[in-house]
Amino acid sequence: MSGTIGEGPSGEKRREVPYLGVVKIASVVMGIMIVVGLAVIGVTIAKRLSGAGEDTPTPTPVSTAAVSAALGAPGALDVAIPARSRVVDVQSDGRRLVVRLVLSGGGTAILLLDADTGERLGLLTLIQEGR
């Protein structure tokens, strides 16, 4: 592709520029890419400001009804927790239930249960360093 730059003052044509059509097409394509890129950046900023685009999903609190539905019939399973401890929070993390306990001595423990069977997967006792 080639094209002319224009006409001179006396009407004669100026020299022919090779690949002028390719330059025009490239500049249009780059202009479109800039506009699309700015739109993507704008949408990303708007999502992050509104909190809609969080990468790490937070565990959602689970009601007692959801726990019983996950474990089968209500009251079908007894789960042992440490003596004189109390349940502070229950959350669902995929196929597990995460139960946060406050122990009698003021410490914290996390009880992991299988949401399908109610099986106790583990008990994590959190202790303070230096004790």
N, C-alpha and C. Protein backbone atom coordinates (compact mmCIF):
# COMPACT_ATOMS: atom_id res chain seq x y z
N MET A 1 0.84 -1.17 0.00
CA MET A 1 0.00 0.00 0.00
C MET A 1 0.88 1.22 0.00
N SER A 2 0.47 2.20 -0.70
CA SER A 2 1.23 3.45 -0.71
C SER A 2 0.24 4.59 -0.82
N GLY A 3 0.72 5.77 -0.55
CA GLY A 3 -0.13 6.93 -0.63
C GLY A 3 0.72 8.17 -0.75
N THR A 4 0.08 9.30 -1.05
CA THR A 4 0.82 10.55 -1.15
C THR A 4 0.55 11.39 0.07
N ILE A 5 1.49 12.22 0.40
CA ILE A 5 1.35 13.10 1.55
C ILE A 5 0.41 14.26 1.23
N GLY A 6 0.34 14.67 0.03
CA GLY A 6 -0.54 15.77 -0.37
C GLY A 6 0.02 16.45 -1.60
N GLU A 7 -0.52 17.60 -1.91
CA GLU A 7 -0.05 18.34 -3.08
C GLU A 7 0.78 19.53 -2.63
N GLY A 8 1.73 19.88 -3.44
CA GLY A 8 2.57 21.04 -3.17
C GLY A 8 1.85 22.33 -3.54
N PRO A 9 2.49 23.49 -3.30
CA PRO A 9 1.85 24.77 -3.58
C PRO A 9 1.54 24.99 -5.06
N SER A 10 2.31 24.39 -5.94
CA SER A 10 2.06 24.61 -7.37
C SER A 10 1.19 23.52 -7.98
N GLY A 11 0.64 22.64 -7.15
CA GLY A 11 -0.25 21.62 -7.67
C GLY A 11 0.42 20.29 -7.95
N GLU A 12 1.77 20.24 -7.91
CA GLU A 12 2.40 18.95 -8.19
C GLU A 12 2.26 18.04 -6.97
N LYS A 13 2.22 16.76 -7.24
CA LYS A 13 2.10 15.78 -6.15
C LYS A 13 3.44 15.62 -5.47
N ARG A 14 3.40 15.47 -4.16
CA ARG A 14 4.63 15.22 -3.42
C ARG A 14 4.99 13.75 -3.56
N ARG A 15 6.12 13.39 -3.01
CA ARG A 15 6.61 12.03 -3.19
C ARG A 15 5.65 11.01 -2.54
N GLU A 16 5.70 9.83 -3.06
CA GLU A 16 4.82 8.76 -2.60
C GLU A 16 5.46 8.10 -1.37
N VAL A 17 4.62 7.85 -0.34
CA VAL A 17 5.11 7.22 0.89
C VAL A 17 4.62 5.78 0.90
N PRO A 18 5.59 4.81 0.94
CA PRO A 18 5.16 3.42 0.97
C PRO A 18 4.56 3.05 2.33
N TYR A 19 3.65 2.12 2.36
CA TYR A 19 3.01 1.58 3.57
C TYR A 19 2.22 2.62 4.36
N LEU A 20 1.76 3.68 3.75
CA LEU A 20 0.96 4.69 4.46
C LEU A 20 -0.37 4.09 4.92
N GLY A 21 -0.95 3.21 4.14
CA GLY A 21 -2.20 2.55 4.53
C GLY A 21 -2.02 1.67 5.75
N VAL A 22 -0.88 0.98 5.84
CA VAL A 22 -0.60 0.12 6.97
C VAL A 22 -0.45 0.96 8.23
N VAL A 23 0.18 2.13 8.11
CA VAL A 23 0.36 3.02 9.26
C VAL A 23 -1.00 3.52 9.75
N LYS A 24 -1.88 3.83 8.83
CA LYS A 24 -3.22 4.30 9.20
C LYS A 24 -3.98 3.19 9.95
N ILE A 25 -3.93 1.98 9.43
CA ILE A 25 -4.63 0.86 10.08
C ILE A 25 -4.04 0.59 11.46
N ALA A 26 -2.72 0.62 11.56
CA ALA A 26 -2.06 0.37 12.85
C ALA A 26 -2.44 1.44 13.87
N SER A 27 -2.52 2.70 13.44
CA SER A 27 -2.87 3.76 14.39
C SER A 27 -4.32 3.63 14.86
N VAL A 28 -5.23 3.20 14.00
CA VAL A 28 -6.62 2.98 14.40
C VAL A 28 -6.71 1.82 15.39
N VAL A 29 -6.00 0.72 15.10
CA VAL A 29 -6.02 -0.44 15.99
C VAL A 29 -5.44 -0.08 17.35
N MET A 30 -4.33 0.66 17.37
CA MET A 30 -3.73 1.06 18.66
C MET A 30 -4.64 2.00 19.43
N GLY A 31 -5.33 2.88 18.73
CA GLY A 31 -6.27 3.77 19.40
C GLY A 31 -7.41 2.99 20.06
N ILE A 32 -7.92 1.98 19.37
CA ILE A 32 -8.98 1.13 19.93
C ILE A 32 -8.45 0.37 21.15
N MET A 33 -7.21 -0.13 21.06
CA MET A 33 -6.62 -0.85 22.19
C MET A 33 -6.46 0.05 23.41
N ILE A 34 -6.10 1.29 23.21
CA ILE A 34 -5.96 2.24 24.33
C ILE A 34 -7.31 2.48 24.99
N VAL A 35 -8.34 2.67 24.19
CA VAL A 35 -9.68 2.92 24.75
C VAL A 35 -10.16 1.69 25.54
N VAL A 36 -9.99 0.50 24.97
CA VAL A 36 -10.41 -0.73 25.66
C VAL A 36 -9.60 -0.93 26.93
N GLY A 37 -8.29 -0.68 26.88
CA GLY A 37 -7.45 -0.82 28.06
C GLY A 37 -7.85 0.12 29.18
N LEU A 38 -8.16 1.36 28.83
CA LEU A 38 -8.62 2.32 29.85
C LEU A 38 -9.96 1.90 30.45
N ALA A 39 -10.83 1.33 29.63
CA ALA A 39 -12.12 0.85 30.14
C ALA A 39 -11.91 -0.30 31.12
N VAL A 40 -11.01 -1.22 30.80
CA VAL A 40 -10.73 -2.35 31.71
C VAL A 40 -10.15 -1.83 33.03
N ILE A 41 -9.23 -0.89 32.96
CA ILE A 41 -8.65 -0.32 34.18
C ILE A 41 -9.73 0.36 35.01
N GLY A 42 -10.62 1.12 34.36
CA GLY A 42 -11.70 1.80 35.08
C GLY A 42 -12.63 0.83 35.77
N VAL A 43 -13.01 -0.24 35.09
CA VAL A 43 -13.90 -1.25 35.68
C VAL A 43 -13.22 -1.95 36.85
N THR A 44 -11.93 -2.26 36.70
CA THR A 44 -11.19 -2.92 37.78
C THR A 44 -11.12 -2.03 39.01
N ILE A 45 -10.83 -0.76 38.82
CA ILE A 45 -10.77 0.17 39.96
C ILE A 45 -12.13 0.28 40.63
N ALA A 46 -13.19 0.36 39.84
CA ALA A 46 -14.54 0.47 40.41
C ALA A 46 -14.90 -0.77 41.22
N LYS A 47 -14.54 -1.96 40.71
CA LYS A 47 -14.83 -3.20 41.44
C LYS A 47 -14.06 -3.26 42.75
N ARG A 48 -12.80 -2.87 42.72
CA ARG A 48 -11.99 -2.93 43.94
C ARG A 48 -12.46 -1.93 44.98
N LEU A 49 -12.91 -0.76 44.54
CA LEU A 49 -13.42 0.23 45.48
C LEU A 49 -14.73 -0.22 46.11
N SER A 50 -15.54 -0.95 45.33
CA SER A 50 -16.82 -1.42 45.87
C SER A 50 -16.67 -2.72 46.64
N GLY A 51 -15.51 -3.37 46.54
CA GLY A 51 -15.27 -4.63 47.26
C GLY A 51 -15.84 -5.84 46.56
N ALA A 52 -16.29 -5.70 45.33
CA ALA A 52 -16.91 -6.82 44.62
C ALA A 52 -15.90 -7.79 44.04
N GLY A 53 -14.66 -7.40 43.86
CA GLY A 53 -13.68 -8.26 43.21
C GLY A 53 -12.67 -8.86 44.15
N GLU A 54 -13.08 -9.28 45.34
CA GLU A 54 -12.14 -9.85 46.29
C GLU A 54 -11.66 -11.21 45.79
N ASP A 55 -10.35 -11.42 45.92
CA ASP A 55 -9.77 -12.67 45.43
C ASP A 55 -9.99 -13.83 46.38
N THR A 56 -9.88 -13.57 47.66
CA THR A 56 -10.00 -14.66 48.63
C THR A 56 -11.39 -14.61 49.25
N PRO A 57 -12.19 -15.63 49.03
CA PRO A 57 -13.52 -15.64 49.64
C PRO A 57 -13.41 -15.86 51.14
N THR A 58 -14.18 -15.10 51.89
CA THR A 58 -14.17 -15.27 53.33
C THR A 58 -15.19 -16.34 53.71
N PRO A 59 -14.88 -17.15 54.71
CA PRO A 59 -15.85 -18.15 55.14
C PRO A 59 -17.13 -17.48 55.62
N THR A 60 -18.26 -18.04 55.26
CA THR A 60 -19.53 -17.44 55.65
C THR A 60 -20.04 -18.09 56.92
N PRO A 61 -20.60 -17.28 57.83
CA PRO A 61 -21.18 -17.87 59.04
C PRO A 61 -22.32 -18.82 58.68
N VAL A 62 -22.47 -19.86 59.47
CA VAL A 62 -23.47 -20.89 59.18
C VAL A 62 -24.47 -20.94 60.33
N SER A 63 -25.73 -21.03 59.99
CA SER A 63 -26.76 -21.12 61.02
C SER A 63 -26.85 -22.55 61.55
N THR A 64 -27.54 -22.71 62.65
CA THR A 64 -27.71 -24.04 63.24
C THR A 64 -28.47 -24.95 62.29
N ALA A 65 -29.43 -24.40 61.55
CA ALA A 65 -30.20 -25.21 60.61
C ALA A 65 -29.30 -25.74 59.49
N ALA A 66 -28.37 -24.90 59.03
CA ALA A 66 -27.47 -25.34 57.97
C ALA A 66 -26.53 -26.42 58.47
N VAL A 67 -26.09 -26.30 59.72
CA VAL A 67 -25.21 -27.32 60.30
C VAL A 67 -25.96 -28.64 60.40
N SER A 68 -27.22 -28.60 60.89
CA SER A 68 -27.98 -29.85 61.01
C SER A 68 -28.27 -30.45 59.65
N ALA A 69 -28.53 -29.61 58.64
CA ALA A 69 -28.79 -30.12 57.30
C ALA A 69 -27.53 -30.77 56.73
N ALA A 70 -26.38 -30.17 57.02
CA ALA A 70 -25.13 -30.74 56.51
C ALA A 70 -24.80 -32.06 57.19
N LEU A 71 -25.18 -32.20 58.45
CA LEU A 71 -24.85 -33.41 59.19
C LEU A 71 -25.93 -34.48 59.10
N GLY A 72 -26.97 -34.23 58.36
CA GLY A 72 -28.06 -35.20 58.26
C GLY A 72 -29.24 -34.72 59.10
N ALA A 73 -29.85 -35.64 59.81
CA ALA A 73 -31.01 -35.30 60.63
C ALA A 73 -30.58 -34.48 61.83
N PRO A 74 -31.41 -33.52 62.27
CA PRO A 74 -31.06 -32.71 63.44
C PRO A 74 -30.89 -33.59 64.67
N GLY A 75 -29.83 -33.34 65.40
CA GLY A 75 -29.59 -34.07 66.62
C GLY A 75 -29.09 -35.49 66.41
N ALA A 76 -28.65 -35.82 65.23
CA ALA A 76 -28.24 -37.19 64.94
C ALA A 76 -26.82 -37.48 65.39
N LEU A 77 -26.05 -36.46 65.75
CA LEU A 77 -24.65 -36.69 66.06
C LEU A 77 -24.22 -35.78 67.21
N ASP A 78 -23.51 -36.36 68.18
CA ASP A 78 -22.94 -35.58 69.27
C ASP A 78 -21.46 -35.38 68.99
N VAL A 79 -21.00 -34.14 69.12
CA VAL A 79 -19.60 -33.82 68.92
C VAL A 79 -19.02 -33.38 70.25
N ALA A 80 -17.96 -34.03 70.68
CA ALA A 80 -17.35 -33.70 71.96
C ALA A 80 -16.43 -32.49 71.80
N ILE A 81 -16.57 -31.54 72.73
CA ILE A 81 -15.67 -30.39 72.77
C ILE A 81 -14.98 -30.41 74.13
N PRO A 82 -13.84 -29.72 74.27
CA PRO A 82 -13.13 -29.73 75.55
C PRO A 82 -14.04 -29.25 76.70
N ALA A 83 -13.77 -29.79 77.91
CA ALA A 83 -14.58 -29.45 79.08
C ALA A 83 -14.50 -27.96 79.37
N ARG A 84 -15.62 -27.40 79.83
CA ARG A 84 -15.77 -26.00 80.21
C ARG A 84 -15.39 -25.03 79.09
N SER A 85 -15.57 -25.43 77.86
CA SER A 85 -15.33 -24.52 76.73
C SER A 85 -16.68 -24.14 76.14
N ARG A 86 -16.70 -23.05 75.38
CA ARG A 86 -17.95 -22.64 74.76
C ARG A 86 -17.71 -22.30 73.29
N VAL A 87 -18.73 -22.53 72.48
CA VAL A 87 -18.66 -22.25 71.05
C VAL A 87 -18.88 -20.76 70.83
N VAL A 88 -17.95 -20.15 70.10
CA VAL A 88 -18.05 -18.72 69.81
C VAL A 88 -18.54 -18.49 68.38
N ASP A 89 -18.10 -19.34 67.46
CA ASP A 89 -18.41 -19.10 66.06
C ASP A 89 -18.36 -20.41 65.30
N VAL A 90 -19.25 -20.55 64.31
CA VAL A 90 -19.25 -21.70 63.41
C VAL A 90 -19.27 -21.15 61.99
N GLN A 91 -18.32 -21.62 61.17
CA GLN A 91 -18.26 -21.19 59.78
C GLN A 91 -18.07 -22.40 58.88
N SER A 92 -18.53 -22.25 57.64
CA SER A 92 -18.38 -23.31 56.66
C SER A 92 -17.21 -22.96 55.75
N ASP A 93 -16.35 -23.94 55.52
CA ASP A 93 -15.21 -23.75 54.63
C ASP A 93 -15.21 -24.91 53.65
N GLY A 94 -16.06 -24.84 52.65
CA GLY A 94 -16.17 -25.92 51.67
C GLY A 94 -16.83 -27.14 52.30
N ARG A 95 -16.10 -28.23 52.39
CA ARG A 95 -16.61 -29.48 52.94
C ARG A 95 -16.35 -29.60 54.42
N ARG A 96 -15.85 -28.55 55.06
CA ARG A 96 -15.54 -28.61 56.48
C ARG A 96 -16.34 -27.56 57.24
N LEU A 97 -16.59 -27.86 58.49
CA LEU A 97 -17.14 -26.88 59.41
C LEU A 97 -16.03 -26.47 60.36
N VAL A 98 -15.86 -25.19 60.54
CA VAL A 98 -14.83 -24.67 61.42
C VAL A 98 -15.54 -24.07 62.64
N VAL A 99 -15.30 -24.68 63.81
CA VAL A 99 -15.95 -24.25 65.04
C VAL A 99 -14.89 -23.61 65.93
N ARG A 100 -15.10 -22.33 66.26
CA ARG A 100 -14.15 -21.63 67.13
C ARG A 100 -14.64 -21.72 68.56
N LEU A 101 -13.76 -22.16 69.45
CA LEU A 101 -14.11 -22.37 70.85
C LEU A 101 -13.27 -21.45 71.74
N VAL A 102 -13.85 -21.01 72.85
CA VAL A 102 -13.10 -20.32 73.89
C VAL A 102 -12.96 -21.31 75.03
N LEU A 103 -11.71 -21.59 75.41
CA LEU A 103 -11.45 -22.57 76.46
C LEU A 103 -11.61 -21.93 77.83
N SER A 104 -11.72 -22.77 78.86
CA SER A 104 -11.96 -22.27 80.22
C SER A 104 -10.80 -21.42 80.72
N GLY A 105 -9.58 -21.69 80.30
CA GLY A 105 -8.43 -20.91 80.75
C GLY A 105 -8.24 -19.62 79.97
N GLY A 106 -9.14 -19.30 79.05
CA GLY A 106 -9.03 -18.08 78.27
C GLY A 106 -8.41 -18.29 76.91
N GLY A 107 -7.94 -19.48 76.60
CA GLY A 107 -7.34 -19.76 75.30
C GLY A 107 -8.40 -19.98 74.24
N THR A 108 -7.93 -20.22 73.03
CA THR A 108 -8.83 -20.43 71.91
C THR A 108 -8.48 -21.76 71.24
N ALA A 109 -9.49 -22.44 70.74
CA ALA A 109 -9.28 -23.68 70.00
C ALA A 109 -10.17 -23.66 68.77
N ILE A 110 -9.74 -24.38 67.76
CA ILE A 110 -10.51 -24.48 66.53
C ILE A 110 -10.78 -25.96 66.28
N LEU A 111 -12.05 -26.30 66.19
CA LEU A 111 -12.48 -27.68 65.96
C LEU A 111 -12.88 -27.81 64.49
N LEU A 112 -12.30 -28.79 63.79
CA LEU A 112 -12.61 -29.02 62.38
C LEU A 112 -13.48 -30.26 62.27
N LEU A 113 -14.62 -30.12 61.57
CA LEU A 113 -15.56 -31.22 61.37
C LEU A 113 -15.81 -31.42 59.89
N ASP A 114 -16.02 -32.66 59.48
CA ASP A 114 -16.43 -32.96 58.12
C ASP A 114 -17.91 -32.62 58.00
N ALA A 115 -18.25 -31.76 57.05
CA ALA A 115 -19.63 -31.30 56.91
C ALA A 115 -20.58 -32.40 56.46
N ASP A 116 -20.09 -33.40 55.77
CA ASP A 116 -20.95 -34.48 55.28
C ASP A 116 -21.25 -35.52 56.35
N THR A 117 -20.23 -35.91 57.09
CA THR A 117 -20.40 -37.00 58.05
C THR A 117 -20.44 -36.54 59.50
N GLY A 118 -19.96 -35.34 59.78
CA GLY A 118 -19.88 -34.87 61.16
C GLY A 118 -18.66 -35.40 61.88
N GLU A 119 -17.80 -36.11 61.17
CA GLU A 119 -16.61 -36.68 61.78
C GLU A 119 -15.65 -35.57 62.22
N ARG A 120 -15.06 -35.76 63.38
CA ARG A 120 -14.10 -34.79 63.92
C ARG A 120 -12.77 -34.96 63.19
N LEU A 121 -12.34 -33.91 62.48
CA LEU A 121 -11.11 -33.97 61.71
C LEU A 121 -9.90 -33.54 62.53
N GLY A 122 -10.13 -32.69 63.50
CA GLY A 122 -9.01 -32.25 64.32
C GLY A 122 -9.40 -31.14 65.26
N LEU A 123 -8.55 -30.94 66.26
CA LEU A 123 -8.74 -29.87 67.23
C LEU A 123 -7.42 -29.11 67.32
N LEU A 124 -7.46 -27.86 66.97
CA LEU A 124 -6.26 -27.03 67.02
C LEU A 124 -6.37 -26.12 68.24
N THR A 125 -5.46 -26.30 69.19
CA THR A 125 -5.44 -25.45 70.37
C THR A 125 -4.40 -24.37 70.16
N LEU A 126 -4.82 -23.13 70.23
CA LEU A 126 -3.91 -22.00 69.99
C LEU A 126 -3.33 -21.58 71.33
N ILE A 127 -2.00 -21.60 71.43
CA ILE A 127 -1.34 -21.21 72.66
C ILE A 127 -0.45 -20.01 72.38
N GLN A 128 -0.26 -19.21 73.39
CA GLN A 128 0.54 -18.00 73.25
C GLN A 128 2.01 -18.35 73.46
N GLU A 129 2.87 -17.85 72.59
CA GLU A 129 4.29 -18.12 72.73
C GLU A 129 4.83 -17.49 74.00
N GLY A 130 5.81 -18.15 74.63
CA GLY A 130 6.46 -17.62 75.82
C GLY A 130 5.80 -18.07 77.12
N ARG A 131 4.80 -18.92 77.02
CA ARG A 131 4.14 -19.40 78.24
C ARG A 131 4.83 -20.60 78.77
